[in-house]
N, C-alpha and C. Protein backbone atom coordinates (compact mmCIF):
# COMPACT_ATOMS: atom_id res chain seq x y z
N MET A 1 -78.85 74.60 66.77
CA MET A 1 -78.04 75.38 67.77
C MET A 1 -76.99 74.95 67.47
N GLU A 2 -76.42 75.83 66.70
CA GLU A 2 -74.91 75.79 66.54
C GLU A 2 -73.88 76.76 67.60
N SER A 3 -74.40 77.12 68.86
CA SER A 3 -73.94 77.55 69.69
C SER A 3 -74.11 76.31 70.71
N ALA A 4 -72.57 76.21 71.24
CA ALA A 4 -72.55 75.04 72.35
C ALA A 4 -72.43 75.22 73.54
N PRO A 5 -72.37 76.63 73.78
CA PRO A 5 -73.20 76.72 75.34
C PRO A 5 -74.50 76.69 75.45
N VAL A 6 -75.39 76.98 74.27
CA VAL A 6 -76.87 77.11 74.53
C VAL A 6 -77.35 75.95 74.09
N TYR A 7 -76.67 74.87 73.35
CA TYR A 7 -76.85 73.60 73.33
C TYR A 7 -76.43 72.56 74.51
N ARG A 8 -75.52 73.17 75.20
CA ARG A 8 -75.15 72.01 76.61
C ARG A 8 -76.23 72.48 77.56
N ILE A 9 -76.69 73.92 77.96
CA ILE A 9 -77.87 74.18 79.07
C ILE A 9 -78.90 73.73 78.12
N TRP A 10 -79.68 73.73 77.11
CA TRP A 10 -81.12 73.06 76.86
C TRP A 10 -81.15 71.76 76.89
N GLN A 11 -79.98 70.82 76.61
CA GLN A 11 -79.73 69.48 76.82
C GLN A 11 -79.52 68.81 78.42
N ALA A 12 -79.00 69.65 78.96
CA ALA A 12 -78.48 69.30 80.50
C ALA A 12 -79.33 68.62 81.25
N PRO A 13 -80.67 69.19 81.55
CA PRO A 13 -81.56 68.07 81.97
C PRO A 13 -81.74 66.74 81.59
N TYR A 14 -82.19 66.53 80.26
CA TYR A 14 -82.15 65.65 79.30
C TYR A 14 -80.94 64.45 79.39
N ALA A 15 -79.68 65.09 79.28
CA ALA A 15 -78.89 64.46 78.88
C ALA A 15 -78.42 63.45 80.30
N ARG A 16 -78.86 64.07 81.66
CA ARG A 16 -78.85 63.42 82.75
C ARG A 16 -79.53 62.37 82.78
N GLN A 17 -81.14 62.34 82.39
CA GLN A 17 -81.97 61.23 82.31
C GLN A 17 -81.23 59.92 81.67
N LYS A 18 -81.02 60.48 80.36
CA LYS A 18 -80.68 59.56 79.43
C LYS A 18 -79.29 58.77 80.13
N LEU A 19 -78.36 59.46 80.34
CA LEU A 19 -77.40 58.71 81.02
C LEU A 19 -77.80 57.95 81.89
N ALA A 20 -78.70 58.64 83.50
CA ALA A 20 -79.06 57.59 84.30
C ALA A 20 -79.16 56.04 83.87
N LEU A 21 -79.81 55.96 83.06
CA LEU A 21 -80.65 54.77 82.72
C LEU A 21 -79.26 53.87 82.15
N VAL A 22 -78.14 54.41 81.23
CA VAL A 22 -77.06 53.84 81.03
C VAL A 22 -76.32 53.32 82.63
N ARG A 23 -76.18 54.36 83.10
CA ARG A 23 -75.43 54.02 84.41
C ARG A 23 -76.11 52.89 85.44
N ARG A 24 -77.52 52.93 85.27
CA ARG A 24 -78.50 51.77 85.91
C ARG A 24 -77.77 50.40 85.33
N HIS A 25 -77.45 50.09 84.17
CA HIS A 25 -77.45 49.03 83.49
C HIS A 25 -75.56 48.52 83.69
N ASN A 26 -74.97 49.80 83.89
CA ASN A 26 -73.66 49.44 83.72
C ASN A 26 -72.96 50.41 84.84
N ASP A 27 -71.73 49.84 85.17
CA ASP A 27 -70.51 50.59 86.10
C ASP A 27 -69.73 51.28 84.98
N LEU A 28 -69.70 52.80 84.63
CA LEU A 28 -69.18 53.49 83.97
C LEU A 28 -67.92 53.57 84.28
N ARG A 29 -67.44 53.64 85.67
CA ARG A 29 -65.99 53.52 86.31
C ARG A 29 -65.11 52.08 85.34
N ARG A 30 -65.88 51.14 85.01
CA ARG A 30 -65.20 50.31 84.15
C ARG A 30 -64.72 50.55 82.49
N ALA A 31 -65.40 51.19 82.09
CA ALA A 31 -65.26 51.87 80.92
C ALA A 31 -64.14 52.67 80.86
N LEU A 32 -62.65 51.48 80.09
CA LEU A 32 -61.61 51.95 80.20
C LEU A 32 -60.98 53.23 78.67
N ARG A 33 -61.48 52.34 77.58
CA ARG A 33 -61.56 53.09 76.23
C ARG A 33 -62.72 53.25 75.45
N VAL A 34 -63.01 54.84 75.77
CA VAL A 34 -64.29 55.26 75.04
C VAL A 34 -64.49 55.89 73.84
N LEU A 35 -65.42 55.72 72.98
CA LEU A 35 -65.39 56.30 71.89
C LEU A 35 -66.97 57.00 72.28
N ASP A 36 -67.22 58.37 71.84
CA ASP A 36 -68.45 59.05 71.78
C ASP A 36 -68.31 59.56 70.72
N VAL A 37 -69.45 58.91 70.09
CA VAL A 37 -69.58 59.14 68.21
C VAL A 37 -70.85 60.09 68.30
N GLY A 38 -70.65 61.28 67.68
CA GLY A 38 -71.53 62.73 67.91
C GLY A 38 -71.87 63.35 69.10
N CYS A 39 -70.45 63.45 69.54
CA CYS A 39 -70.34 64.11 71.05
C CYS A 39 -70.56 65.43 71.23
N GLY A 40 -71.06 65.89 70.32
CA GLY A 40 -71.66 66.99 70.53
C GLY A 40 -70.72 68.19 71.21
N PRO A 41 -71.10 69.07 71.87
CA PRO A 41 -70.08 69.69 72.65
C PRO A 41 -69.53 69.17 73.99
N GLY A 42 -69.60 68.01 74.17
CA GLY A 42 -68.97 67.11 75.24
C GLY A 42 -70.02 66.98 76.29
N THR A 43 -71.32 66.92 76.08
CA THR A 43 -72.25 66.63 77.06
C THR A 43 -71.90 65.38 77.97
N ASN A 44 -71.32 64.07 77.67
CA ASN A 44 -71.09 62.99 78.08
C ASN A 44 -69.77 62.88 78.64
N THR A 45 -68.63 63.85 78.37
CA THR A 45 -67.60 63.73 78.75
C THR A 45 -67.56 63.60 80.13
N PRO A 46 -68.25 64.62 81.14
CA PRO A 46 -67.64 64.35 82.35
C PRO A 46 -67.70 62.94 83.27
N ALA A 47 -68.52 62.03 82.62
CA ALA A 47 -68.96 60.65 83.00
C ALA A 47 -67.56 59.82 82.87
N PHE A 48 -66.86 60.32 81.77
CA PHE A 48 -65.54 59.41 81.66
C PHE A 48 -64.13 60.06 81.57
N THR A 49 -64.28 60.97 82.84
CA THR A 49 -62.96 61.37 83.39
C THR A 49 -61.82 60.12 83.79
N HIS A 50 -62.15 59.23 84.12
CA HIS A 50 -60.94 58.29 84.38
C HIS A 50 -60.41 57.34 83.05
N ALA A 51 -61.38 57.87 82.35
CA ALA A 51 -61.33 56.74 80.66
C ALA A 51 -60.25 57.45 79.89
N ARG A 52 -59.64 56.73 78.64
CA ARG A 52 -59.46 57.45 77.54
C ARG A 52 -60.51 57.47 76.81
N TYR A 53 -60.56 58.84 76.53
CA TYR A 53 -61.98 59.21 75.92
C TYR A 53 -61.65 59.67 74.34
N VAL A 54 -62.35 59.27 73.62
CA VAL A 54 -62.34 59.96 72.17
C VAL A 54 -63.72 60.53 71.92
N GLY A 55 -63.76 61.66 71.70
CA GLY A 55 -65.34 62.45 71.26
C GLY A 55 -64.99 62.62 69.52
N VAL A 56 -66.02 62.40 68.95
CA VAL A 56 -66.08 62.75 67.48
C VAL A 56 -67.13 63.53 67.06
N ASP A 57 -66.92 64.50 66.66
CA ASP A 57 -68.37 65.22 65.80
C ASP A 57 -67.76 65.68 64.69
N CYS A 58 -68.90 66.15 63.91
CA CYS A 58 -68.59 66.62 62.26
C CYS A 58 -68.38 68.72 63.02
N ASN A 59 -69.53 68.73 64.04
CA ASN A 59 -69.49 70.14 64.35
C ASN A 59 -68.10 71.14 64.94
N HIS A 60 -67.24 71.94 63.98
CA HIS A 60 -66.32 72.43 64.56
C HIS A 60 -66.31 73.17 65.67
N ASN A 61 -67.23 73.71 66.15
CA ASN A 61 -68.01 74.86 67.02
C ASN A 61 -68.16 74.15 68.38
N TYR A 62 -68.39 72.83 68.24
CA TYR A 62 -69.35 71.57 69.47
C TYR A 62 -67.85 71.63 70.10
N LEU A 63 -66.90 71.01 69.20
CA LEU A 63 -65.50 70.41 69.22
C LEU A 63 -64.18 71.39 70.05
N ARG A 64 -64.69 72.72 69.60
CA ARG A 64 -63.82 73.74 70.24
C ARG A 64 -64.06 74.11 71.23
N TYR A 65 -65.47 73.90 71.76
CA TYR A 65 -66.11 74.18 72.94
C TYR A 65 -65.56 73.40 73.99
N ALA A 66 -65.94 71.51 73.21
CA ALA A 66 -65.14 70.61 74.18
C ALA A 66 -64.07 70.60 74.35
N ARG A 67 -62.92 71.16 73.54
CA ARG A 67 -61.68 71.00 74.13
C ARG A 67 -61.20 71.79 75.20
N ALA A 68 -61.51 73.22 75.03
CA ALA A 68 -61.54 73.93 76.06
C ALA A 68 -62.12 73.77 77.32
N ARG A 69 -63.22 73.15 77.08
CA ARG A 69 -64.21 72.63 78.67
C ARG A 69 -63.63 71.76 79.58
N TYR A 70 -62.92 70.61 78.50
CA TYR A 70 -63.12 69.12 79.29
C TYR A 70 -61.37 68.96 78.92
N GLY A 71 -60.41 69.67 77.84
CA GLY A 71 -59.29 68.84 77.50
C GLY A 71 -59.30 67.46 77.27
N LYS A 72 -59.86 66.58 76.85
CA LYS A 72 -59.96 65.40 76.55
C LYS A 72 -59.65 65.49 74.97
N ASN A 73 -59.79 64.23 74.19
CA ASN A 73 -59.66 63.90 73.08
C ASN A 73 -60.69 64.38 72.20
N PHE A 74 -60.82 64.97 71.00
CA PHE A 74 -61.84 65.47 70.43
C PHE A 74 -61.44 65.33 69.02
N ALA A 75 -62.35 64.98 68.27
CA ALA A 75 -61.62 64.94 66.78
C ALA A 75 -63.35 65.41 65.53
N VAL A 76 -62.51 66.19 64.92
CA VAL A 76 -63.82 66.53 63.85
C VAL A 76 -64.09 65.15 62.96
N VAL A 77 -65.51 64.53 62.72
CA VAL A 77 -65.22 63.43 61.88
C VAL A 77 -66.71 63.58 61.25
N ASP A 78 -66.92 62.95 60.14
CA ASP A 78 -68.10 63.03 59.84
C ASP A 78 -68.26 61.34 59.87
N ALA A 79 -69.07 60.92 60.55
CA ALA A 79 -68.87 59.55 60.90
C ALA A 79 -69.85 58.84 59.68
N ARG A 80 -70.28 59.30 58.76
CA ARG A 80 -70.44 58.14 57.39
C ARG A 80 -69.61 58.06 56.69
N ARG A 81 -68.05 58.62 57.10
CA ARG A 81 -67.01 58.25 56.04
C ARG A 81 -66.15 57.74 57.08
N PRO A 82 -65.60 56.80 56.46
CA PRO A 82 -64.27 55.99 57.34
C PRO A 82 -63.61 57.17 58.16
N PHE A 83 -63.32 56.35 59.83
CA PHE A 83 -63.08 57.52 60.66
C PHE A 83 -61.84 57.05 61.36
N ALA A 84 -61.10 55.88 61.14
CA ALA A 84 -60.56 55.18 62.26
C ALA A 84 -59.48 54.70 61.24
N ARG A 85 -58.35 55.19 61.27
CA ARG A 85 -57.08 54.39 60.44
C ARG A 85 -56.29 53.67 61.22
N SER A 86 -56.49 54.07 62.92
CA SER A 86 -55.66 53.35 63.44
C SER A 86 -56.06 51.67 64.26
N ALA A 87 -55.22 50.84 65.17
CA ALA A 87 -56.08 49.91 65.21
C ALA A 87 -56.53 49.87 66.43
N ALA A 88 -57.19 51.05 67.07
CA ALA A 88 -57.84 51.53 68.34
C ALA A 88 -59.01 50.76 68.63
N ARG A 89 -59.30 49.88 69.37
CA ARG A 89 -60.30 49.31 69.96
C ARG A 89 -61.18 49.96 71.40
N PHE A 90 -62.13 50.11 71.28
CA PHE A 90 -62.85 50.64 72.07
C PHE A 90 -63.70 49.59 73.02
N ASP A 91 -63.81 49.68 74.40
CA ASP A 91 -64.53 48.70 75.22
C ASP A 91 -66.54 49.45 75.67
N PHE A 92 -66.04 50.72 75.40
CA PHE A 92 -67.18 51.35 75.61
C PHE A 92 -67.90 52.29 74.43
N ILE A 93 -68.66 52.05 73.35
CA ILE A 93 -68.99 53.08 72.14
C ILE A 93 -70.03 53.93 72.26
N LEU A 94 -70.25 54.91 72.58
CA LEU A 94 -71.60 55.99 73.03
C LEU A 94 -72.18 56.71 71.41
N LEU A 95 -73.25 56.40 71.42
CA LEU A 95 -73.95 56.68 70.51
C LEU A 95 -75.06 58.05 71.00
N ASN A 96 -74.97 58.99 71.32
CA ASN A 96 -76.29 59.17 72.03
C ASN A 96 -76.95 60.56 70.89
N SER A 97 -78.12 59.99 70.95
CA SER A 97 -79.26 60.84 70.49
C SER A 97 -78.45 61.34 69.07
N PHE A 98 -78.12 60.49 68.60
CA PHE A 98 -77.53 60.66 67.04
C PHE A 98 -77.78 60.21 65.77
N LEU A 99 -77.95 59.06 65.66
CA LEU A 99 -78.54 57.90 64.69
C LEU A 99 -79.81 58.69 64.26
N HIS A 100 -80.88 59.38 64.58
CA HIS A 100 -81.98 59.65 64.21
C HIS A 100 -81.66 60.78 63.18
N HIS A 101 -80.41 61.34 62.99
CA HIS A 101 -79.81 62.37 62.20
C HIS A 101 -79.81 62.19 60.79
N PHE A 102 -79.69 60.45 60.61
CA PHE A 102 -79.25 60.15 59.21
C PHE A 102 -80.52 59.06 58.75
N CYS A 103 -80.31 58.97 57.24
CA CYS A 103 -81.24 57.99 56.88
C CYS A 103 -80.70 56.42 57.03
N LEU A 104 -81.29 55.79 56.44
CA LEU A 104 -81.49 54.14 57.00
C LEU A 104 -80.21 53.66 56.47
N GLU A 105 -79.54 53.85 55.73
CA GLU A 105 -78.27 53.46 54.43
C GLU A 105 -77.21 54.14 55.25
N ASP A 106 -77.11 55.45 55.95
CA ASP A 106 -76.20 55.93 56.89
C ASP A 106 -76.51 54.96 57.77
N THR A 107 -77.42 54.96 58.32
CA THR A 107 -77.05 54.47 60.08
C THR A 107 -77.02 53.18 60.06
N ARG A 108 -76.99 52.64 59.17
CA ARG A 108 -76.19 50.88 58.80
C ARG A 108 -74.42 51.31 58.66
N ASP A 109 -74.80 51.89 57.68
CA ASP A 109 -73.09 51.93 57.43
C ASP A 109 -71.97 52.71 58.65
N ILE A 110 -73.01 53.73 59.61
CA ILE A 110 -72.17 54.17 60.92
C ILE A 110 -71.92 52.59 62.10
N LEU A 111 -73.07 52.19 62.17
CA LEU A 111 -73.08 50.94 62.81
C LEU A 111 -72.08 50.43 62.36
N SER A 112 -71.85 49.88 61.19
CA SER A 112 -70.91 48.74 60.63
C SER A 112 -69.62 49.28 60.93
N ARG A 113 -69.47 50.62 60.71
CA ARG A 113 -67.79 51.31 61.07
C ARG A 113 -67.75 51.00 62.75
N VAL A 114 -69.14 51.39 63.89
CA VAL A 114 -68.78 51.48 65.08
C VAL A 114 -68.18 49.73 65.34
N LYS A 115 -68.99 48.90 64.82
CA LYS A 115 -68.87 47.50 65.05
C LYS A 115 -67.01 47.05 64.85
N MET A 116 -66.68 47.59 63.76
CA MET A 116 -65.13 46.89 63.40
C MET A 116 -64.53 48.07 64.79
N LEU A 117 -64.85 49.15 65.67
CA LEU A 117 -64.06 49.68 66.54
C LEU A 117 -64.14 49.12 67.86
N LEU A 118 -65.52 48.10 67.57
CA LEU A 118 -65.49 47.67 69.22
C LEU A 118 -64.38 46.76 69.82
N GLY A 119 -63.81 46.34 70.88
CA GLY A 119 -62.66 45.71 70.98
C GLY A 119 -63.65 44.24 71.89
N GLU A 120 -62.98 43.16 71.97
CA GLU A 120 -63.18 41.78 72.73
C GLU A 120 -63.81 41.99 73.99
N GLY A 121 -65.41 41.60 73.81
CA GLY A 121 -65.92 41.84 74.97
C GLY A 121 -66.44 43.50 76.04
N GLY A 122 -66.18 44.44 74.52
CA GLY A 122 -66.53 45.53 74.69
C GLY A 122 -67.93 45.63 74.07
N HIS A 123 -68.66 47.06 74.30
CA HIS A 123 -70.31 46.91 73.92
C HIS A 123 -70.54 48.18 73.47
N VAL A 124 -71.69 48.74 72.68
CA VAL A 124 -71.83 49.83 72.01
C VAL A 124 -72.96 50.00 72.92
N HIS A 125 -73.42 51.08 73.26
CA HIS A 125 -74.43 51.80 73.85
C HIS A 125 -75.20 52.86 73.03
N ILE A 126 -76.40 52.55 72.54
CA ILE A 126 -76.97 53.79 71.85
C ILE A 126 -78.29 54.00 72.62
N LEU A 127 -78.13 55.36 72.57
CA LEU A 127 -79.74 55.93 72.85
C LEU A 127 -79.99 57.00 71.87
N ASP A 128 -81.21 56.56 71.41
CA ASP A 128 -82.10 57.32 70.42
C ASP A 128 -83.48 57.55 70.14
N LEU A 129 -84.13 58.39 69.72
CA LEU A 129 -85.23 59.31 69.91
C LEU A 129 -86.35 58.53 68.87
N VAL A 130 -87.13 57.91 69.83
CA VAL A 130 -88.30 56.94 69.18
C VAL A 130 -89.56 57.86 68.75
N MET A 131 -90.20 57.30 67.29
CA MET A 131 -91.00 58.15 66.64
C MET A 131 -92.35 57.45 67.31
N PRO A 132 -93.17 58.15 68.45
CA PRO A 132 -94.18 57.42 69.10
C PRO A 132 -95.69 56.87 67.85
N GLU A 133 -96.03 55.76 68.45
CA GLU A 133 -97.20 55.51 67.30
C GLU A 133 -98.02 56.56 67.69
N ARG A 134 -98.55 56.67 68.67
CA ARG A 134 -99.44 57.69 68.92
C ARG A 134 -99.02 59.31 68.81
N ARG A 135 -100.08 60.17 68.23
CA ARG A 135 -99.95 61.69 68.38
C ARG A 135 -100.17 62.13 70.15
N GLY A 136 -99.31 63.13 70.09
CA GLY A 136 -99.17 63.53 71.41
C GLY A 136 -98.07 64.60 71.61
N ILE A 137 -97.64 64.82 72.88
CA ILE A 137 -96.55 66.02 72.97
C ILE A 137 -95.15 65.23 72.21
N ALA A 138 -95.00 63.96 72.81
CA ALA A 138 -93.80 63.77 72.26
C ALA A 138 -93.69 63.15 70.91
N TRP A 139 -94.82 62.91 70.20
CA TRP A 139 -94.97 63.04 68.86
C TRP A 139 -94.50 64.34 68.16
N ALA A 140 -95.22 65.07 68.69
CA ALA A 140 -95.20 66.79 68.17
C ALA A 140 -93.48 66.98 68.23
N LEU A 141 -92.96 66.52 69.63
CA LEU A 141 -91.17 66.99 69.63
C LEU A 141 -90.57 66.24 68.64
N ALA A 142 -90.72 65.12 68.54
CA ALA A 142 -90.13 64.27 67.56
C ALA A 142 -90.29 64.74 66.30
N LYS A 143 -91.12 65.25 65.67
CA LYS A 143 -91.24 65.75 64.43
C LYS A 143 -90.51 66.75 64.31
N LEU A 144 -90.20 68.01 65.74
CA LEU A 144 -89.81 69.28 65.32
C LEU A 144 -88.30 69.06 65.61
N ASP A 145 -87.92 67.61 66.17
CA ASP A 145 -86.31 67.62 66.42
C ASP A 145 -85.57 67.87 64.88
N ARG A 146 -84.41 68.55 64.96
CA ARG A 146 -83.61 68.49 64.01
C ARG A 146 -83.24 67.48 62.87
N GLY A 147 -83.35 66.30 63.91
CA GLY A 147 -82.97 65.20 63.00
C GLY A 147 -84.27 64.45 62.42
N LYS A 148 -84.20 64.28 61.34
CA LYS A 148 -85.27 63.81 60.60
C LYS A 148 -85.84 62.13 60.42
N PHE A 149 -85.21 61.58 61.11
CA PHE A 149 -85.28 60.10 60.83
C PHE A 149 -85.68 59.26 62.46
N ALA A 150 -86.25 59.65 63.24
CA ALA A 150 -86.74 59.08 64.49
C ALA A 150 -87.34 57.96 63.91
N ARG A 151 -87.13 56.69 64.48
CA ARG A 151 -88.34 55.44 64.39
C ARG A 151 -89.15 55.02 64.90
N PRO A 152 -90.02 54.47 64.75
CA PRO A 152 -90.08 53.66 65.96
C PRO A 152 -89.34 52.42 66.91
N ALA A 153 -89.49 52.20 68.13
CA ALA A 153 -89.17 51.49 68.73
C ALA A 153 -88.59 50.02 67.98
N GLN A 154 -89.44 49.25 67.55
CA GLN A 154 -89.37 47.98 66.74
C GLN A 154 -88.11 48.17 65.49
N GLU A 155 -88.16 49.05 64.71
CA GLU A 155 -87.37 49.72 63.44
C GLU A 155 -86.22 49.69 64.43
N TRP A 156 -85.74 50.29 65.39
CA TRP A 156 -84.47 50.88 66.04
C TRP A 156 -83.96 49.39 66.35
N ARG A 157 -84.76 48.67 67.29
CA ARG A 157 -84.63 47.01 67.53
C ARG A 157 -83.63 45.94 66.10
N GLN A 158 -84.80 46.51 65.15
CA GLN A 158 -84.05 45.68 64.09
C GLN A 158 -82.84 45.90 63.54
N ILE A 159 -82.81 47.48 63.57
CA ILE A 159 -81.81 48.08 62.83
C ILE A 159 -80.38 47.38 63.49
N PHE A 160 -80.51 47.86 64.93
CA PHE A 160 -79.26 47.48 65.99
C PHE A 160 -78.81 46.16 66.05
N CYS A 161 -79.92 44.82 65.87
CA CYS A 161 -79.54 43.62 66.21
C CYS A 161 -79.36 43.60 64.85
N GLU A 162 -79.39 43.75 63.63
CA GLU A 162 -78.45 43.47 62.34
C GLU A 162 -77.08 43.56 62.47
N ALA A 163 -76.36 44.45 63.53
CA ALA A 163 -75.44 44.98 63.41
C ALA A 163 -74.70 44.25 64.88
N PHE A 164 -75.67 44.12 65.87
CA PHE A 164 -75.02 43.63 66.72
C PHE A 164 -75.65 42.79 68.00
N GLU A 165 -75.18 41.90 68.78
CA GLU A 165 -75.92 41.13 69.56
C GLU A 165 -76.75 41.83 70.58
N SER A 166 -78.04 41.71 70.76
CA SER A 166 -78.76 42.53 71.97
C SER A 166 -78.66 41.95 73.51
N VAL A 167 -78.16 43.25 74.07
CA VAL A 167 -77.92 42.43 75.62
C VAL A 167 -79.00 43.20 76.33
N ILE A 168 -79.13 44.89 75.67
CA ILE A 168 -80.42 45.21 76.61
C ILE A 168 -81.12 46.21 75.19
N PHE A 169 -82.59 46.28 75.64
CA PHE A 169 -83.25 47.05 74.88
C PHE A 169 -84.40 47.60 75.62
N GLU A 170 -84.25 48.62 75.76
CA GLU A 170 -85.16 49.53 76.61
C GLU A 170 -85.47 50.81 76.10
N PRO A 171 -87.23 50.86 76.04
CA PRO A 171 -87.55 52.11 75.80
C PRO A 171 -87.84 52.87 77.00
N PHE A 172 -87.73 54.42 77.18
CA PHE A 172 -88.34 55.21 77.93
C PHE A 172 -88.51 56.21 77.88
N ALA A 173 -89.18 56.98 78.63
CA ALA A 173 -89.42 58.53 78.51
C ALA A 173 -88.40 59.41 79.32
N VAL A 174 -88.27 60.27 78.56
CA VAL A 174 -87.45 61.83 78.98
C VAL A 174 -88.29 62.62 79.74
N ARG A 175 -88.80 63.12 80.73
CA ARG A 175 -89.78 63.55 81.20
C ARG A 175 -88.95 65.18 81.98
N THR A 176 -90.02 65.69 81.65
CA THR A 176 -89.98 67.19 82.51
C THR A 176 -91.09 67.57 83.37
N LEU A 177 -91.04 67.40 84.77
CA LEU A 177 -92.46 68.03 85.63
C LEU A 177 -93.34 66.53 85.64
N GLY A 178 -92.67 65.56 85.64
CA GLY A 178 -93.17 63.86 85.05
C GLY A 178 -94.13 64.03 83.71
N ILE A 179 -93.92 64.92 82.76
CA ILE A 179 -94.57 64.81 81.78
C ILE A 179 -93.85 64.09 80.38
N PRO A 180 -93.97 63.05 80.33
CA PRO A 180 -93.17 62.89 79.03
C PRO A 180 -92.85 63.52 77.65
N LEU A 181 -91.77 64.00 77.30
CA LEU A 181 -91.71 64.97 76.43
C LEU A 181 -90.87 64.03 74.98
N TRP A 182 -90.32 63.17 75.22
CA TRP A 182 -89.28 62.51 74.32
C TRP A 182 -89.19 61.04 74.51
N HIS A 183 -90.06 59.79 73.65
CA HIS A 183 -89.86 59.03 73.90
C HIS A 183 -88.25 58.42 73.15
N ILE A 184 -87.46 57.78 74.20
CA ILE A 184 -86.17 57.19 73.74
C ILE A 184 -85.91 55.88 74.08
N VAL A 185 -84.94 55.16 73.26
CA VAL A 185 -84.92 53.82 73.31
C VAL A 185 -82.97 53.63 73.82
N TYR A 186 -82.93 52.43 74.82
CA TYR A 186 -81.17 52.63 75.17
C TYR A 186 -81.28 51.15 74.82
N PHE A 187 -79.98 51.15 73.73
CA PHE A 187 -79.70 49.88 73.57
C PHE A 187 -78.24 49.24 74.17
N LYS A 188 -77.97 48.26 74.23
CA LYS A 188 -76.56 47.74 74.61
C LYS A 188 -76.06 46.34 73.82
N GLY A 189 -74.94 46.85 72.92
CA GLY A 189 -75.16 45.19 72.14
C GLY A 189 -73.70 45.23 72.06
N GLY A 190 -73.07 44.22 72.08
CA GLY A 190 -71.89 43.42 71.88
C GLY A 190 -71.25 42.86 70.46
N ARG A 191 -70.55 42.32 70.51
CA ARG A 191 -70.30 41.55 68.63
C ARG A 191 -70.63 40.13 68.82
N ARG A 192 -71.12 39.72 67.89
CA ARG A 192 -71.65 38.56 67.79
C ARG A 192 -70.36 37.52 67.69
N ALA A 193 -70.95 36.40 68.52
CA ALA A 193 -70.26 34.89 68.38
C ALA A 193 -69.58 34.61 67.00
């Protein structure tokens, strides 16, 4: 989906559900320095209007749309490459439905870079697609997703815990009309002591 408005409309109902889980565990008003990695067309930006927000994505069309719509700081970045040249640290780093687009090596590299950007007392918040164990609607939709690296929940847990101290690890289903369409995991992690 290269069209930012089409992507935004398609994802709107699901984005709200996913962010509701993050809101349930966090007071987003306390997030002062926010980095949104793989921000797409700025879908999560309205939750952080009060914060110093930076959204990064490699899709120029998405970022052009996000800049025009939200007026925040958006940068074209390939998260697989070093992308932070300043000493900026963030207290809230969000990776929403992003890592399932990357192989294990790239995922670990991205998380390593993100860890270096996490400020003292800050947390990383990861929402990502889970590959269900059993075949069904959620399994079929995960297979059809553009990201080819959906993983079982326990594999996500292992990957996330290699990089961060686990605070919350919560699988959940994103639903339409009560039917679970996708299985997602929410992970909140901090720097290791």
